[in-house]
C-alpha atoms as a PDB file:
ATOM      1  CA  TYR A   1       0.000   0.000   0.000  1.00  0.00           C
ATOM      2  CA  CYS A   2       3.067   2.254   0.190  1.00  0.00           C
ATOM      3  CA  THR A   3       3.745   4.516  -2.807  1.00  0.00           C
ATOM      4  CA  SER A   4       6.742   6.426  -1.432  1.00  0.00           C
ATOM      5  CA  ALA A   5       9.208   5.444   1.297  1.00  0.00           C
ATOM      6  CA  THR A   6      12.332   6.779   2.980  1.00  0.00           C
ATOM      7  CA  ALA A   7      15.751   5.155   2.460  1.00  0.00           C
ATOM      8  CA  ASP A   8      15.219   3.043   5.590  1.00  0.00           C
ATOM      9  CA  GLY A   9      11.900   1.669   4.249  1.00  0.00           C
ATOM     10  CA  LYS A  10       9.433   3.767   6.235  1.00  0.00           C
ATOM     11  CA  CYS A  11       6.393   4.748   4.231  1.00  0.00           C
ATOM     12  CA  VAL A  12       5.641   8.476   3.841  1.00  0.00           C
ATOM     13  CA  ILE A  13       2.905   8.308   1.176  1.00  0.00           C
ATOM     14  CA  CYS A  14       0.281   5.560   0.977  1.00  0.00           C
ATOM     15  CA  ASN A  15      -2.359   4.582  -1.592  1.00  0.00           C
ATOM     16  CA  VAL A  16      -5.770   6.274  -1.543  1.00  0.00           C
ATOM     17  CA  GLY A  17      -7.726   5.025   1.477  1.00  0.00           C
ATOM     18  CA  TYR A  18      -4.587   4.598   3.616  1.00  0.00           C
ATOM     19  CA  TYR A  19      -2.290   6.809   5.708  1.00  0.00           C
ATOM     20  CA  ALA A  20       1.292   6.497   6.956  1.00  0.00           C
ATOM     21  CA  ASP A  21       1.364   6.120  10.735  1.00  0.00           C
ATOM     22  CA  SER A  22       4.159   7.356  13.031  1.00  0.00           C
ATOM     23  CA  THR A  23       6.105   4.084  12.547  1.00  0.00           C
ATOM     24  CA  GLY A  24       6.043   4.353   8.739  1.00  0.00           C
ATOM     25  CA  LEU A  25       3.398   1.680   8.133  1.00  0.00           C
ATOM     26  CA  CYS A  26       0.326   2.198   5.920  1.00  0.00           C
ATOM     27  CA  LYS A  27      -2.908   1.860   7.863  1.00  0.00           C
ATOM     28  CA  GLU A  28      -6.396   1.661   6.382  1.00  0.00           C
ATOM     29  CA  CYS A  29      -8.676   4.703   6.766  1.00  0.00           C
ATOM     30  CA  VAL A  30     -11.613   4.262   9.151  1.00  0.00           C
ATOM     31  CA  ASN A  31     -14.245   4.757   6.419  1.00  0.00           C
ATOM     32  CA  LYS A  32     -12.372   3.397   3.389  1.00  0.00           C
ATOM     33  CA  ASP A  33     -15.335   3.464   0.976  1.00  0.00           C
ATOM     34  CA  GLY A  34     -15.901   7.212   1.183  1.00  0.00           C
ATOM     35  CA  CYS A  35     -12.525   8.386   2.433  1.00  0.00           C
ATOM     36  CA  LYS A  36     -10.023   9.654  -0.156  1.00  0.00           C
ATOM     37  CA  SER A  37      -7.343  10.650   2.353  1.00  0.00           C
ATOM     38  CA  CYS A  38      -7.033  10.423   6.109  1.00  0.00           C
ATOM     39  CA  THR A  39      -4.800  10.627   9.150  1.00  0.00           C
ATOM     40  CA  SER A  40      -4.819   8.599  12.362  1.00  0.00           C
ATOM     41  CA  SER A  41      -7.491  11.078  13.539  1.00  0.00           C
ATOM     42  CA  GLY A  42      -9.954  10.191  10.738  1.00  0.00           C
ATOM     43  CA  CYS A  43     -10.890  11.239   7.221  1.00  0.00           C
ATOM     44  CA  THR A  44      -9.673  14.560   5.843  1.00  0.00           C
ATOM     45  CA  VAL A  45     -10.888  14.411   2.195  1.00  0.00           C
ATOM     46  CA  CYS A  46     -13.821  12.442   0.770  1.00  0.00           C
ATOM     47  CA  ASN A  47     -14.415  10.718  -2.574  1.00  0.00           C
ATOM     48  CA  ASP A  48     -17.019  12.049  -5.003  1.00  0.00           C
ATOM     49  CA  GLY A  49     -20.537  11.339  -3.761  1.00  0.00           C
ATOM     50  CA  PHE A  50     -19.523  11.780  -0.101  1.00  0.00           C
ATOM     51  CA  TYR A  51     -19.194  14.681   2.348  1.00  0.00           C
ATOM     52  CA  LEU A  52     -16.929  15.088   5.380  1.00  0.00           C
ATOM     53  CA  ASP A  53     -18.804  14.809   8.676  1.00  0.00           C
ATOM     54  CA  ASN A  54     -16.541  16.629  11.142  1.00  0.00           C
ATOM     55  CA  ILE A  55     -19.080  16.230  13.955  1.00  0.00           C
ATOM     56  CA  SER A  56     -18.528  12.471  14.179  1.00  0.00           C
ATOM     57  CA  VAL A  57     -15.530  11.216  16.096  1.00  0.00           C
ATOM     58  CA  PRO A  58     -13.399  10.302  14.251  1.00  0.00           C
ATOM     59  CA  PRO A  59     -14.367  12.469  11.240  1.00  0.00           C
ATOM     60  CA  THR A  60     -15.914  10.204   8.577  1.00  0.00           C
ATOM     61  CA  CYS A  61     -17.193  10.489   5.017  1.00  0.00           C
ATOM     62  CA  LYS A  62     -20.909   9.957   4.569  1.00  0.00           C
ATOM     63  CA  SER A  63     -22.900   9.500   1.388  1.00  0.00           C
ATOM     64  CA  CYS A  64     -24.577  12.483  -0.303  1.00  0.00           C
ATOM     65  CA  TYR A  65     -28.394  12.451  -0.406  1.00  0.00           C
ATOM     66  CA  ASP A  66     -28.375  11.056  -3.922  1.00  0.00           C
ATOM     67  CA  SER A  67     -24.864   9.833  -4.667  1.00  0.00           C
ATOM     68  CA  LEU A  68     -25.955   8.518  -8.094  1.00  0.00           C
ATOM     69  CA  MET A  69     -26.526  12.082  -9.347  1.00  0.00           C
ATOM     70  CA  CYS A  70     -24.610  14.301  -6.906  1.00  0.00           C
ATOM     71  CA  LYS A  71     -20.826  14.549  -7.396  1.00  0.00           C
ATOM     72  CA  THR A  72     -20.050  16.858  -4.485  1.00  0.00           C
ATOM     73  CA  CYS A  73     -22.099  17.881  -1.488  1.00  0.00           C
ATOM     74  CA  ILE A  74     -21.702  19.556   1.896  1.00  0.00           C
ATOM     75  CA  GLY A  75     -24.215  17.492   3.851  1.00  0.00           C
ATOM     76  CA  PRO A  76     -26.859  14.770   3.840  1.00  0.00           C
ATOM     77  CA  LYS A  77     -29.830  16.794   2.529  1.00  0.00           C
ATOM     78  CA  ARG A  78     -30.938  17.079  -1.113  1.00  0.00           C
ATOM     79  CA  SER A  79     -30.284  20.838  -0.891  1.00  0.00           C
ATOM     80  CA  ASP A  80     -26.625  20.144   0.049  1.00  0.00           C
ATOM     81  CA  CYS A  81     -25.669  18.991  -3.480  1.00  0.00           C
ATOM     82  CA  LEU A  82     -23.076  21.372  -4.976  1.00  0.00           C
ATOM     83  CA  ALA A  83     -22.279  19.723  -8.326  1.00  0.00           C
ATOM     84  CA  CYS A  84     -23.827  16.985 -10.455  1.00  0.00           C
ATOM     85  CA  LYS A  85     -21.988  13.950 -11.858  1.00  0.00           C
ATOM     86  CA  ASP A  86     -21.235  13.453 -15.561  1.00  0.00           C
ATOM     87  CA  ASN A  87     -24.383  12.774 -17.613  1.00  0.00           C
ATOM     88  CA  TYR A  88     -26.423  14.992 -15.264  1.00  0.00           C
ATOM     89  CA  VAL A  89     -27.210  18.702 -15.443  1.00  0.00           C
ATOM     90  CA  SER A  90     -27.879  21.044 -12.550  1.00  0.00           C
ATOM     91  CA  LEU A  91     -31.272  22.644 -13.131  1.00  0.00           C
ATOM     92  CA  SER A  92     -31.238  24.663  -9.910  1.00  0.00           C
ATOM     93  CA  VAL A  93     -29.526  24.542  -6.554  1.00  0.00           C
ATOM     94  CA  SER A  94     -29.522  20.887  -5.469  1.00  0.00           C
ATOM     95  CA  SER A  95     -31.476  19.585  -8.473  1.00  0.00           C
ATOM     96  CA  CYS A  96     -29.778  17.227 -10.951  1.00  0.00           C
ATOM     97  CA  LEU A  97     -31.498  15.844 -14.022  1.00  0.00           C
ATOM     98  CA  GLN A  98     -30.101  13.045 -16.204  1.00  0.00           C
ATOM     99  CA  CYS A  99     -28.992  13.953 -19.750  1.00  0.00           C
ATOM    100  CA  LEU A 100     -29.782  11.828 -22.786  1.00  0.00           C
ATOM    101  CA  LEU A 101     -28.146   8.401 -22.872  1.00  0.00           C
ATOM    102  CA  ASN A 102     -25.081   9.345 -24.991  1.00  0.00           C
ATOM    103  CA  CYS A 103     -24.318  12.720 -23.375  1.00  0.00           C
ATOM    104  CA  LYS A 104     -21.427  13.329 -20.992  1.00  0.00           C
ATOM    105  CA  SER A 105     -22.863  16.771 -20.231  1.00  0.00           C
ATOM    106  CA  CYS A 106     -25.896  18.667 -21.453  1.00  0.00           C
ATOM    107  CA  GLU A 107     -27.452  22.124 -21.543  1.00  0.00           C
ATOM    108  CA  ILE A 108     -29.101  23.612 -18.489  1.00  0.00           C
ATOM    109  CA  TYR A 109     -32.028  24.549 -20.764  1.00  0.00           C
ATOM    110  CA  GLY A 110     -32.888  20.916 -21.321  1.00  0.00           C
ATOM    111  CA  PRO A 111     -31.320  17.506 -20.860  1.00  0.00           C
ATOM    112  CA  SER A 112     -31.921  16.698 -24.533  1.00  0.00           C
ATOM    113  CA  ILE A 113     -29.255  19.171 -25.784  1.00  0.00           C
ATOM    114  CA  CYS A 114     -25.770  17.598 -25.491  1.00  0.00           C
ATOM    115  CA  ASP A 115     -22.687  19.744 -24.829  1.00  0.00           C
ATOM    116  CA  ILE A 116     -20.304  16.789 -24.916  1.00  0.00           C
ATOM    117  CA  CYS A 117     -21.105  13.350 -26.312  1.00  0.00           C
ATOM    118  CA  ILE A 118     -19.720  10.132 -24.872  1.00  0.00           C
END
């Protein structure tokens, strides 16, 4: 799980979902599914579709309200969605609508007008 180590073999950089502890070993993040990076104290950055819950101890990544459509969010409510995933368009704050089948992104004026095709 180590991607970069010192000359004496102690890990300083670990794969996504792991952190280097004080002894130089890679340890798994508490919430590996949603956690992109962490420390021994908990998650620090979340994967797409998750938000960082700093209230929980240790801090963990929790799923957005609709992680199928929502790429980034700041909390668990529908209104907390900040950006939509590919193949979805943001119609208003917190509202994502799926584009046509072969669109990577589409116009805000209607999901049937592709900006970028797949």
